[in-house]
């Protein structure tokens, strides 16, 4: 009898309080209007920051260097130091001319749905916790794939006769295609090179 009463109380509680922000069917979750489906960037992204990481691969890397780079610019802790919807872009310095370079990855950091230094990381009452957490996982998976692509592919490392580091920095700071010119608010440039 106690079990039946307990189950009824739990059932009534769940009916009243819903499912704590979890979506019933994740396949029915769609990306909100104003968020790019590929980059996770909001249409008003200019009010958020842009972190550009330039990695000089011309000299190749030893494993301790790879481990250091992963912990410094490819870790969840690194992303969580910046507010949600900050754009993270990764560009390589290799044998290609700076003007011909394309991002390895460029995506906006999603909310985490966990407590960080940014209150806006927590999902709101009109957002599904599962949805927000799912997009954080997609974001980190995309960034991990980019890391693996750079450091597991030996063709992307070494073999250059010299480094175009200064030319790349100049191009990034002046070319609108990289979305990092002086008109970009809250920009941060990180250079990973054994020349610095």
Foldseek 3Di string as FASTA:
>chain_A
DVVVVVVVVVVVVCVVPPDQQADPDVVPDDDDPQADPAFRAGVVLLVFAEEEEEEEQAAHDDVVLLVVCCVQPLDPVNLLVGDFRHKYWYWYWYQDQLVPTDTLGIHTQAQQLDDGPDPVSNDDPPHHSCVRNVVNVVVSVSSVVSSCVCRVDCVNHHDDPDTPVVSNVVCCQPPCVNVRHPSRPNYHYHYHDPVD
